[in-house]
Amino acid sequence: MALLAGNAIPNDKIAVVIGIDAKTLRKHYRSELDRAAAMVEAKLIGHLIRLASGRDGVALKAAIFALRCRFGWSEYAPRPNASGSNI
């Protein structure tokens, strides 16, 4: 079960593989599912950071993606005032 969850297999698919209801899976294996999801996220973030540290177009796209997702950057957000005043 942890192997499946650690490879980002959806919970409903894991339940089918091990032969239980998805609700039962979540009830009895919540901590394992949460831990596996955190591990998948950590792996993906590591790969994203590795890509973003390059010097090509992929690096630029990865950096922009990371800034938008993790830090809320948006091309639609108001730009800071160029004069430095807060008015």
C-alpha atoms as a PDB file:
ATOM      1  CA  MET A   1       0.000   0.000   0.000  1.00  0.00           C
ATOM      2  CA  ALA A   2       2.773   2.443   0.921  1.00  0.00           C
ATOM      3  CA  LEU A   3       4.585   1.666  -2.339  1.00  0.00           C
ATOM      4  CA  LEU A   4       1.488   2.558  -4.335  1.00  0.00           C
ATOM      5  CA  ALA A   5       0.802   5.735  -2.374  1.00  0.00           C
ATOM      6  CA  GLY A   6       4.481   6.691  -2.562  1.00  0.00           C
ATOM      7  CA  ASN A   7       4.237   6.565  -6.336  1.00  0.00           C
ATOM      8  CA  ALA A   8       1.249   8.945  -6.408  1.00  0.00           C
ATOM      9  CA  ILE A   9      -1.381   6.290  -7.164  1.00  0.00           C
ATOM     10  CA  PRO A  10      -4.813   7.739  -6.244  1.00  0.00           C
ATOM     11  CA  ASN A  11      -6.435   6.382  -3.075  1.00  0.00           C
ATOM     12  CA  ASP A  12      -9.399   4.882  -4.914  1.00  0.00           C
ATOM     13  CA  LYS A  13      -7.044   2.878  -7.139  1.00  0.00           C
ATOM     14  CA  ILE A  14      -5.044   1.677  -4.119  1.00  0.00           C
ATOM     15  CA  ALA A  15      -8.273   0.500  -2.494  1.00  0.00           C
ATOM     16  CA  VAL A  16      -9.133  -1.542  -5.603  1.00  0.00           C
ATOM     17  CA  VAL A  17      -5.666  -3.123  -5.699  1.00  0.00           C
ATOM     18  CA  ILE A  18      -5.758  -4.236  -2.054  1.00  0.00           C
ATOM     19  CA  GLY A  19      -9.438  -5.177  -2.204  1.00  0.00           C
ATOM     20  CA  ILE A  20     -11.076  -2.770   0.249  1.00  0.00           C
ATOM     21  CA  ASP A  21     -13.382   0.220   0.022  1.00  0.00           C
ATOM     22  CA  ALA A  22     -11.704   3.637  -0.401  1.00  0.00           C
ATOM     23  CA  LYS A  23     -13.437   4.864   2.778  1.00  0.00           C
ATOM     24  CA  THR A  24     -11.987   1.912   4.727  1.00  0.00           C
ATOM     25  CA  LEU A  25      -8.552   2.621   3.274  1.00  0.00           C
ATOM     26  CA  ARG A  26      -8.675   6.243   4.429  1.00  0.00           C
ATOM     27  CA  LYS A  27     -10.011   5.264   7.858  1.00  0.00           C
ATOM     28  CA  HIS A  28      -7.332   2.693   8.657  1.00  0.00           C
ATOM     29  CA  TYR A  29      -4.339   4.000   6.684  1.00  0.00           C
ATOM     30  CA  ARG A  30      -4.688   7.794   6.937  1.00  0.00           C
ATOM     31  CA  SER A  31      -1.220   8.377   8.420  1.00  0.00           C
ATOM     32  CA  GLU A  32       0.464   6.151   5.804  1.00  0.00           C
ATOM     33  CA  LEU A  33      -1.403   7.897   2.978  1.00  0.00           C
ATOM     34  CA  ASP A  34      -0.481  11.337   4.340  1.00  0.00           C
ATOM     35  CA  ARG A  35       3.165  10.356   4.812  1.00  0.00           C
ATOM     36  CA  ALA A  36       3.370   8.938   1.279  1.00  0.00           C
ATOM     37  CA  ALA A  37       1.780  12.089  -0.174  1.00  0.00           C
ATOM     38  CA  ALA A  38       4.338  14.236   1.653  1.00  0.00           C
ATOM     39  CA  MET A  39       7.157  12.063   0.306  1.00  0.00           C
ATOM     40  CA  VAL A  40       5.871  12.410  -3.272  1.00  0.00           C
ATOM     41  CA  GLU A  41       5.610  16.179  -2.840  1.00  0.00           C
ATOM     42  CA  ALA A  42       9.149  16.359  -1.442  1.00  0.00           C
ATOM     43  CA  LYS A  43      10.516  14.353  -4.400  1.00  0.00           C
ATOM     44  CA  LEU A  44       8.729  16.579  -6.894  1.00  0.00           C
ATOM     45  CA  ILE A  45       9.927  19.755  -5.199  1.00  0.00           C
ATOM     46  CA  GLY A  46      13.479  18.400  -5.234  1.00  0.00           C
ATOM     47  CA  HIS A  47      13.273  17.735  -8.968  1.00  0.00           C
ATOM     48  CA  LEU A  48      11.721  21.154  -9.576  1.00  0.00           C
ATOM     49  CA  ILE A  49      14.488  22.898  -7.637  1.00  0.00           C
ATOM     50  CA  ARG A  50      17.115  20.917  -9.562  1.00  0.00           C
ATOM     51  CA  LEU A  51      15.522  21.989 -12.857  1.00  0.00           C
ATOM     52  CA  ALA A  52      15.169  25.601 -11.721  1.00  0.00           C
ATOM     53  CA  SER A  53      18.868  25.819 -10.859  1.00  0.00           C
ATOM     54  CA  GLY A  54      19.878  25.245 -14.497  1.00  0.00           C
ATOM     55  CA  ARG A  55      20.671  27.892 -17.078  1.00  0.00           C
ATOM     56  CA  ASP A  56      18.259  27.186 -19.921  1.00  0.00           C
ATOM     57  CA  GLY A  57      14.618  27.791 -20.836  1.00  0.00           C
ATOM     58  CA  VAL A  58      13.496  24.811 -18.768  1.00  0.00           C
ATOM     59  CA  ALA A  59      15.169  26.361 -15.718  1.00  0.00           C
ATOM     60  CA  LEU A  60      13.340  29.640 -16.244  1.00  0.00           C
ATOM     61  CA  LYS A  61       9.980  27.884 -16.627  1.00  0.00           C
ATOM     62  CA  ALA A  62      10.636  25.735 -13.545  1.00  0.00           C
ATOM     63  CA  ALA A  63      11.603  28.791 -11.475  1.00  0.00           C
ATOM     64  CA  ILE A  64       8.502  30.713 -12.557  1.00  0.00           C
ATOM     65  CA  PHE A  65       6.293  27.687 -11.823  1.00  0.00           C
ATOM     66  CA  ALA A  66       7.825  27.280  -8.353  1.00  0.00           C
ATOM     67  CA  LEU A  67       7.436  30.978  -7.539  1.00  0.00           C
ATOM     68  CA  ARG A  68       3.802  30.971  -8.619  1.00  0.00           C
ATOM     69  CA  CYS A  69       2.876  27.756  -6.790  1.00  0.00           C
ATOM     70  CA  ARG A  70       4.869  28.039  -3.568  1.00  0.00           C
ATOM     71  CA  PHE A  71       5.098  31.805  -3.128  1.00  0.00           C
ATOM     72  CA  GLY A  72       1.899  33.094  -4.726  1.00  0.00           C
ATOM     73  CA  TRP A  73       3.561  35.084  -7.497  1.00  0.00           C
ATOM     74  CA  SER A  74       1.188  36.103 -10.259  1.00  0.00           C
ATOM     75  CA  GLU A  75       1.492  38.037 -13.494  1.00  0.00           C
ATOM     76  CA  TYR A  76      -1.897  39.529 -12.586  1.00  0.00           C
ATOM     77  CA  ALA A  77      -0.884  40.856  -9.151  1.00  0.00           C
ATOM     78  CA  PRO A  78      -0.349  44.604  -8.885  1.00  0.00           C
ATOM     79  CA  ARG A  79       3.262  45.601  -9.465  1.00  0.00           C
ATOM     80  CA  PRO A  80       5.167  47.408  -6.707  1.00  0.00           C
ATOM     81  CA  ASN A  81       5.314  51.186  -7.074  1.00  0.00           C
ATOM     82  CA  ALA A  82       8.494  52.022  -9.049  1.00  0.00           C
ATOM     83  CA  SER A  83       9.158  55.211  -7.050  1.00  0.00           C
ATOM     84  CA  GLY A  84       9.396  53.263  -3.802  1.00  0.00           C
ATOM     85  CA  SER A  85       6.562  55.134  -2.073  1.00  0.00           C
ATOM     86  CA  ASN A  86       3.638  53.258  -0.635  1.00  0.00           C
ATOM     87  CA  ILE A  87       1.013  55.668  -1.972  1.00  0.00           C
END
